[in-house]
Amino acid sequence: MATILNVRNPRAHALASELARRRKTGITEVVIQALEHELERERSSIPLAQRLTTLADRARAKAGPNARPVTEADRDEMWTR
């Protein structure tokens, strides 16, 4: 037996009603669609740490084998051009 989802928040009801009206469908259907959409986003999102690691790896690859640290003078020069 399925458990019933009962949301008693007026704002949630208003948002679901507006979306249902715009899509010309029922509230239940828009709630299901919204939840499916958000679950898909969560499942396909890449964690921040992994995205930063990828960016750092790409930056290291572009720097080449003789890379040197960026100095404070280098940073200052980038902002004064």
C-alpha atoms as a PDB file:
ATOM      1  CA  MET A   1       0.000   0.000   0.000  1.00  0.00           C
ATOM      2  CA  ALA A   2       1.359   3.408  -0.982  1.00  0.00           C
ATOM      3  CA  THR A   3       1.847   6.168   1.545  1.00  0.00           C
ATOM      4  CA  ILE A   4      -0.037   9.385   0.809  1.00  0.00           C
ATOM      5  CA  LEU A   5       1.914  12.611   0.403  1.00  0.00           C
ATOM      6  CA  ASN A   6      -0.003  15.450   2.017  1.00  0.00           C
ATOM      7  CA  VAL A   7       1.597  18.891   1.807  1.00  0.00           C
ATOM      8  CA  ARG A   8      -0.126  21.528   3.926  1.00  0.00           C
ATOM      9  CA  ASN A   9       2.043  24.471   3.017  1.00  0.00           C
ATOM     10  CA  PRO A  10       0.097  27.300   1.332  1.00  0.00           C
ATOM     11  CA  ARG A  11       3.103  28.448  -0.698  1.00  0.00           C
ATOM     12  CA  ALA A  12       3.772  24.913  -1.977  1.00  0.00           C
ATOM     13  CA  HIS A  13       0.117  24.599  -2.939  1.00  0.00           C
ATOM     14  CA  ALA A  14       0.140  27.979  -4.715  1.00  0.00           C
ATOM     15  CA  LEU A  15       3.302  27.117  -6.659  1.00  0.00           C
ATOM     16  CA  ALA A  16       1.992  23.703  -7.668  1.00  0.00           C
ATOM     17  CA  SER A  17      -1.358  25.204  -8.657  1.00  0.00           C
ATOM     18  CA  GLU A  18       0.253  27.872 -10.823  1.00  0.00           C
ATOM     19  CA  LEU A  19       2.473  25.358 -12.580  1.00  0.00           C
ATOM     20  CA  ALA A  20      -0.479  23.017 -13.123  1.00  0.00           C
ATOM     21  CA  ARG A  21      -2.522  25.866 -14.563  1.00  0.00           C
ATOM     22  CA  ARG A  22       0.320  26.918 -16.902  1.00  0.00           C
ATOM     23  CA  ARG A  23       0.851  23.344 -18.084  1.00  0.00           C
ATOM     24  CA  LYS A  24      -2.872  22.628 -18.215  1.00  0.00           C
ATOM     25  CA  THR A  25      -2.528  19.529 -16.057  1.00  0.00           C
ATOM     26  CA  GLY A  26      -3.211  18.422 -12.498  1.00  0.00           C
ATOM     27  CA  ILE A  27      -1.331  19.313  -9.347  1.00  0.00           C
ATOM     28  CA  THR A  28      -0.299  15.704  -8.746  1.00  0.00           C
ATOM     29  CA  GLU A  29       1.252  15.476 -12.200  1.00  0.00           C
ATOM     30  CA  VAL A  30       3.281  18.686 -11.819  1.00  0.00           C
ATOM     31  CA  VAL A  31       4.511  17.602  -8.387  1.00  0.00           C
ATOM     32  CA  ILE A  32       5.647  14.261  -9.856  1.00  0.00           C
ATOM     33  CA  GLN A  33       7.334  16.014 -12.797  1.00  0.00           C
ATOM     34  CA  ALA A  34       9.083  18.506 -10.507  1.00  0.00           C
ATOM     35  CA  LEU A  35      10.345  15.770  -8.193  1.00  0.00           C
ATOM     36  CA  GLU A  36      11.554  13.642 -11.113  1.00  0.00           C
ATOM     37  CA  HIS A  37      13.329  16.670 -12.597  1.00  0.00           C
ATOM     38  CA  GLU A  38      15.094  17.507  -9.334  1.00  0.00           C
ATOM     39  CA  LEU A  39      16.081  13.882  -8.712  1.00  0.00           C
ATOM     40  CA  GLU A  40      17.581  13.702 -12.196  1.00  0.00           C
ATOM     41  CA  ARG A  41      19.543  16.904 -11.529  1.00  0.00           C
ATOM     42  CA  GLU A  42      20.836  15.484  -8.249  1.00  0.00           C
ATOM     43  CA  ARG A  43      21.796  12.168  -9.827  1.00  0.00           C
ATOM     44  CA  SER A  44      23.641  13.814 -12.709  1.00  0.00           C
ATOM     45  CA  SER A  45      25.375  16.580 -10.763  1.00  0.00           C
ATOM     46  CA  ILE A  46      29.104  16.390 -10.301  1.00  0.00           C
ATOM     47  CA  PRO A  47      30.315  17.183  -6.765  1.00  0.00           C
ATOM     48  CA  LEU A  48      32.197  20.474  -6.379  1.00  0.00           C
ATOM     49  CA  ALA A  49      35.398  18.760  -5.224  1.00  0.00           C
ATOM     50  CA  GLN A  50      35.427  16.628  -8.357  1.00  0.00           C
ATOM     51  CA  ARG A  51      34.787  19.650 -10.626  1.00  0.00           C
ATOM     52  CA  LEU A  52      37.627  21.570  -8.938  1.00  0.00           C
ATOM     53  CA  THR A  53      39.982  18.616  -9.299  1.00  0.00           C
ATOM     54  CA  THR A  54      39.169  18.440 -13.014  1.00  0.00           C
ATOM     55  CA  LEU A  55      39.838  22.175 -13.423  1.00  0.00           C
ATOM     56  CA  ALA A  56      43.125  21.909 -11.518  1.00  0.00           C
ATOM     57  CA  ASP A  57      44.221  18.955 -13.671  1.00  0.00           C
ATOM     58  CA  ARG A  58      43.443  20.900 -16.852  1.00  0.00           C
ATOM     59  CA  ALA A  59      45.348  23.935 -15.578  1.00  0.00           C
ATOM     60  CA  ARG A  60      48.370  21.774 -14.708  1.00  0.00           C
ATOM     61  CA  ALA A  61      48.275  20.189 -18.154  1.00  0.00           C
ATOM     62  CA  LYS A  62      48.236  23.628 -19.808  1.00  0.00           C
ATOM     63  CA  ALA A  63      51.135  24.819 -17.630  1.00  0.00           C
ATOM     64  CA  GLY A  64      53.373  22.137 -19.085  1.00  0.00           C
ATOM     65  CA  PRO A  65      56.295  20.242 -17.572  1.00  0.00           C
ATOM     66  CA  ASN A  66      58.285  23.343 -16.544  1.00  0.00           C
ATOM     67  CA  ALA A  67      55.489  25.115 -14.691  1.00  0.00           C
ATOM     68  CA  ARG A  68      56.402  27.615 -12.006  1.00  0.00           C
ATOM     69  CA  PRO A  69      54.264  29.025  -9.212  1.00  0.00           C
ATOM     70  CA  VAL A  70      52.471  32.295  -9.864  1.00  0.00           C
ATOM     71  CA  THR A  71      54.106  35.061  -7.867  1.00  0.00           C
ATOM     72  CA  GLU A  72      52.470  38.075  -6.284  1.00  0.00           C
ATOM     73  CA  ALA A  73      54.110  40.221  -8.977  1.00  0.00           C
ATOM     74  CA  ASP A  74      52.497  38.029 -11.659  1.00  0.00           C
ATOM     75  CA  ARG A  75      49.083  38.503 -10.068  1.00  0.00           C
ATOM     76  CA  ASP A  76      49.599  42.260  -9.761  1.00  0.00           C
ATOM     77  CA  GLU A  77      50.591  42.444 -13.424  1.00  0.00           C
ATOM     78  CA  MET A  78      47.405  40.653 -14.496  1.00  0.00           C
ATOM     79  CA  TRP A  79      45.270  43.300 -12.778  1.00  0.00           C
ATOM     80  CA  THR A  80      47.206  46.355 -14.010  1.00  0.00           C
ATOM     81  CA  ARG A  81      47.134  45.686 -17.732  1.00  0.00           C
END
